[in-house]
N, C-alpha and C. Protein backbone atom coordinates (compact mmCIF):
# COMPACT_ATOMS: atom_id res chain seq x y z
N MET A 1 12.68 -79.80 21.91
CA MET A 1 11.24 -79.87 22.04
C MET A 1 10.84 -79.09 23.30
N VAL A 2 10.08 -78.05 23.12
CA VAL A 2 9.69 -77.20 24.22
C VAL A 2 8.39 -77.68 24.86
N GLY A 3 7.47 -78.14 24.05
CA GLY A 3 6.18 -78.57 24.57
C GLY A 3 6.23 -79.96 25.18
N PRO A 4 5.13 -80.36 25.78
CA PRO A 4 5.07 -81.70 26.37
C PRO A 4 5.24 -82.79 25.31
N SER A 5 5.72 -83.90 25.74
CA SER A 5 5.96 -85.01 24.84
C SER A 5 4.66 -85.58 24.31
N ILE A 6 4.68 -86.06 23.08
CA ILE A 6 3.51 -86.69 22.48
C ILE A 6 3.12 -87.95 23.27
N ILE A 7 4.10 -88.59 23.87
CA ILE A 7 3.83 -89.78 24.69
C ILE A 7 2.98 -89.40 25.89
N PHE A 8 3.27 -88.23 26.50
CA PHE A 8 2.47 -87.76 27.63
C PHE A 8 1.02 -87.59 27.20
N TYR A 9 0.81 -86.96 26.05
CA TYR A 9 -0.56 -86.74 25.60
C TYR A 9 -1.27 -88.06 25.29
N ILE A 10 -0.60 -88.97 24.60
CA ILE A 10 -1.24 -90.22 24.18
C ILE A 10 -1.61 -91.10 25.37
N PHE A 11 -0.68 -91.26 26.30
CA PHE A 11 -0.89 -92.23 27.37
C PHE A 11 -1.51 -91.66 28.64
N PHE A 12 -1.41 -90.34 28.86
CA PHE A 12 -1.89 -89.79 30.12
C PHE A 12 -2.98 -88.74 29.94
N ALA A 13 -2.70 -87.69 29.21
CA ALA A 13 -3.61 -86.54 29.14
C ALA A 13 -4.92 -86.87 28.44
N VAL A 14 -4.84 -87.41 27.24
CA VAL A 14 -6.07 -87.68 26.48
C VAL A 14 -6.96 -88.72 27.18
N PRO A 15 -6.42 -89.87 27.61
CA PRO A 15 -7.28 -90.82 28.32
C PRO A 15 -7.86 -90.23 29.62
N TYR A 16 -7.06 -89.44 30.33
CA TYR A 16 -7.55 -88.82 31.56
C TYR A 16 -8.74 -87.91 31.27
N ILE A 17 -8.61 -87.08 30.26
CA ILE A 17 -9.68 -86.15 29.93
C ILE A 17 -10.94 -86.90 29.53
N PHE A 18 -10.81 -87.93 28.69
CA PHE A 18 -11.98 -88.70 28.27
C PHE A 18 -12.65 -89.41 29.45
N VAL A 19 -11.87 -90.02 30.31
CA VAL A 19 -12.44 -90.72 31.47
C VAL A 19 -13.12 -89.75 32.42
N MET A 20 -12.48 -88.61 32.67
CA MET A 20 -13.08 -87.64 33.60
C MET A 20 -14.36 -87.05 33.03
N TYR A 21 -14.40 -86.73 31.75
CA TYR A 21 -15.64 -86.22 31.17
C TYR A 21 -16.74 -87.28 31.20
N TRP A 22 -16.37 -88.53 30.97
CA TRP A 22 -17.35 -89.61 31.04
C TRP A 22 -17.91 -89.73 32.46
N LEU A 23 -17.04 -89.64 33.46
CA LEU A 23 -17.50 -89.71 34.85
C LEU A 23 -18.41 -88.53 35.20
N VAL A 24 -18.07 -87.35 34.70
CA VAL A 24 -18.90 -86.18 34.98
C VAL A 24 -20.27 -86.34 34.34
N LYS A 25 -20.34 -86.90 33.15
CA LYS A 25 -21.64 -87.10 32.49
C LYS A 25 -22.52 -88.07 33.25
N GLN A 26 -21.92 -88.96 34.01
CA GLN A 26 -22.71 -89.90 34.80
C GLN A 26 -23.46 -89.20 35.92
N ASP A 27 -22.95 -88.09 36.39
CA ASP A 27 -23.58 -87.33 37.47
C ASP A 27 -24.57 -86.34 36.86
N LYS A 28 -25.85 -86.62 36.96
CA LYS A 28 -26.88 -85.78 36.33
C LYS A 28 -27.20 -84.52 37.13
N LYS A 29 -26.91 -84.51 38.42
CA LYS A 29 -27.30 -83.38 39.27
C LYS A 29 -26.35 -82.19 39.15
N LYS A 30 -25.06 -82.42 39.16
CA LYS A 30 -24.10 -81.31 39.19
C LYS A 30 -23.19 -81.38 37.97
N TYR A 31 -23.75 -81.53 36.84
CA TYR A 31 -23.01 -81.71 35.59
C TYR A 31 -22.06 -80.54 35.32
N ILE A 32 -22.52 -79.32 35.44
CA ILE A 32 -21.71 -78.16 35.06
C ILE A 32 -20.55 -77.95 36.04
N TRP A 33 -20.76 -78.18 37.34
CA TRP A 33 -19.69 -78.03 38.31
C TRP A 33 -18.59 -79.05 38.08
N GLY A 34 -18.97 -80.28 37.89
CA GLY A 34 -17.97 -81.32 37.65
C GLY A 34 -17.20 -81.08 36.38
N LEU A 35 -17.91 -80.67 35.34
CA LEU A 35 -17.28 -80.39 34.06
C LEU A 35 -16.27 -79.26 34.17
N SER A 36 -16.62 -78.21 34.88
CA SER A 36 -15.70 -77.08 35.02
C SER A 36 -14.49 -77.47 35.86
N ILE A 37 -14.69 -78.24 36.91
CA ILE A 37 -13.56 -78.67 37.75
C ILE A 37 -12.60 -79.56 36.96
N VAL A 38 -13.13 -80.49 36.20
CA VAL A 38 -12.28 -81.38 35.39
C VAL A 38 -11.52 -80.57 34.34
N THR A 39 -12.17 -79.60 33.74
CA THR A 39 -11.51 -78.76 32.74
C THR A 39 -10.36 -77.96 33.37
N ILE A 40 -10.59 -77.40 34.54
CA ILE A 40 -9.56 -76.63 35.23
C ILE A 40 -8.37 -77.53 35.59
N ILE A 41 -8.65 -78.73 36.08
CA ILE A 41 -7.57 -79.66 36.43
C ILE A 41 -6.76 -80.04 35.19
N ALA A 42 -7.44 -80.28 34.07
CA ALA A 42 -6.74 -80.63 32.83
C ALA A 42 -5.86 -79.48 32.35
N ILE A 43 -6.37 -78.26 32.42
CA ILE A 43 -5.59 -77.09 31.97
C ILE A 43 -4.36 -76.90 32.87
N ILE A 44 -4.55 -77.04 34.18
CA ILE A 44 -3.42 -76.91 35.10
C ILE A 44 -2.37 -77.98 34.82
N GLY A 45 -2.81 -79.20 34.54
CA GLY A 45 -1.88 -80.28 34.22
C GLY A 45 -1.06 -79.98 32.98
N ILE A 46 -1.68 -79.43 31.96
CA ILE A 46 -0.97 -79.10 30.73
C ILE A 46 0.03 -77.97 30.98
N ILE A 47 -0.36 -76.97 31.75
CA ILE A 47 0.55 -75.86 32.05
C ILE A 47 1.77 -76.36 32.83
N VAL A 48 1.54 -77.20 33.83
CA VAL A 48 2.64 -77.74 34.61
C VAL A 48 3.57 -78.57 33.73
N SER A 49 2.99 -79.36 32.83
CA SER A 49 3.80 -80.18 31.93
C SER A 49 4.66 -79.30 31.02
N GLN A 50 4.10 -78.21 30.51
CA GLN A 50 4.86 -77.32 29.65
C GLN A 50 6.02 -76.67 30.40
N LYS A 51 5.76 -76.24 31.64
CA LYS A 51 6.84 -75.62 32.43
C LYS A 51 7.94 -76.64 32.72
N ALA A 52 7.55 -77.87 33.04
CA ALA A 52 8.55 -78.90 33.32
C ALA A 52 9.36 -79.20 32.06
N SER A 53 8.73 -79.19 30.90
CA SER A 53 9.45 -79.43 29.66
C SER A 53 10.45 -78.31 29.38
N LYS A 54 10.07 -77.08 29.66
CA LYS A 54 10.99 -75.95 29.45
C LYS A 54 12.20 -76.06 30.38
N VAL A 55 11.97 -76.44 31.63
CA VAL A 55 13.08 -76.59 32.58
C VAL A 55 14.00 -77.72 32.13
N ALA A 56 13.42 -78.82 31.67
CA ALA A 56 14.23 -79.94 31.19
C ALA A 56 15.07 -79.52 29.98
N LEU A 57 14.51 -78.74 29.09
CA LEU A 57 15.24 -78.27 27.92
C LEU A 57 16.38 -77.35 28.34
N GLN A 58 16.13 -76.46 29.29
CA GLN A 58 17.19 -75.57 29.78
C GLN A 58 18.32 -76.36 30.44
N ASN A 59 17.95 -77.37 31.22
CA ASN A 59 18.96 -78.21 31.85
C ASN A 59 19.79 -78.95 30.81
N TYR A 60 19.16 -79.44 29.76
CA TYR A 60 19.88 -80.14 28.70
C TYR A 60 20.84 -79.20 27.98
N GLN A 61 20.38 -77.99 27.70
CA GLN A 61 21.25 -77.02 27.02
C GLN A 61 22.44 -76.65 27.90
N GLN A 62 22.20 -76.48 29.20
CA GLN A 62 23.30 -76.17 30.11
C GLN A 62 24.28 -77.33 30.19
N HIS A 63 23.76 -78.55 30.16
CA HIS A 63 24.63 -79.73 30.17
C HIS A 63 25.52 -79.75 28.93
N GLN A 64 24.96 -79.41 27.78
CA GLN A 64 25.76 -79.36 26.55
C GLN A 64 26.87 -78.32 26.66
N ILE A 65 26.55 -77.15 27.22
CA ILE A 65 27.56 -76.10 27.38
C ILE A 65 28.67 -76.57 28.31
N ASP A 66 28.27 -77.18 29.44
CA ASP A 66 29.26 -77.68 30.39
C ASP A 66 30.15 -78.77 29.76
N ALA A 67 29.55 -79.65 28.98
CA ALA A 67 30.31 -80.72 28.34
C ALA A 67 31.32 -80.15 27.35
N ARG A 68 30.94 -79.11 26.60
CA ARG A 68 31.87 -78.48 25.66
C ARG A 68 33.04 -77.84 26.40
N GLU A 69 32.75 -77.18 27.53
CA GLU A 69 33.82 -76.55 28.30
C GLU A 69 34.79 -77.60 28.85
N ILE A 70 34.27 -78.70 29.34
CA ILE A 70 35.12 -79.79 29.84
C ILE A 70 35.96 -80.37 28.72
N GLU A 71 35.35 -80.51 27.54
CA GLU A 71 36.09 -81.05 26.39
C GLU A 71 37.22 -80.11 26.00
N ARG A 72 36.96 -78.80 26.01
CA ARG A 72 38.01 -77.82 25.69
C ARG A 72 39.15 -77.87 26.71
N GLU A 73 38.78 -77.99 27.99
CA GLU A 73 39.81 -78.07 29.03
C GLU A 73 40.66 -79.32 28.87
N ASN A 74 40.03 -80.44 28.57
CA ASN A 74 40.76 -81.69 28.37
C ASN A 74 41.66 -81.59 27.15
N LYS A 75 41.17 -80.94 26.11
CA LYS A 75 41.96 -80.79 24.88
C LYS A 75 43.17 -79.90 25.14
N SER A 76 42.97 -78.81 25.85
CA SER A 76 44.10 -77.91 26.13
C SER A 76 45.09 -78.56 27.08
N ASP A 77 44.62 -79.36 28.03
CA ASP A 77 45.52 -80.09 28.93
C ASP A 77 46.37 -81.10 28.16
N SER A 78 45.76 -81.78 27.22
CA SER A 78 46.50 -82.78 26.45
C SER A 78 47.51 -82.11 25.51
N LEU A 79 47.22 -80.91 25.02
CA LEU A 79 48.16 -80.18 24.17
C LEU A 79 49.35 -79.67 25.01
N GLN A 80 49.10 -79.29 26.22
CA GLN A 80 50.19 -78.81 27.08
C GLN A 80 51.13 -79.94 27.48
N LEU A 81 50.62 -81.14 27.60
CA LEU A 81 51.46 -82.27 27.96
C LEU A 81 52.38 -82.69 26.83
N ASP A 82 52.00 -82.42 25.60
CA ASP A 82 52.83 -82.82 24.45
C ASP A 82 54.01 -81.96 24.24
């Protein structure tokens, strides 16, 4: 999975966006400034989440490669002992 987790969207991103837009609507004087700031913060949050997910995926793939190499070494060591 390369993108952010569905759990992140359900429990954090979507409620955050709804609450922030609701708060901005309460402010009648600077509606457009608040709305644009909240939108920028939400977009930055999604971008950061996607980058973190990509790094986590790369780390997992590297862990799998390392585990296979260790397994091969253990297998060859056990064959040499026999």
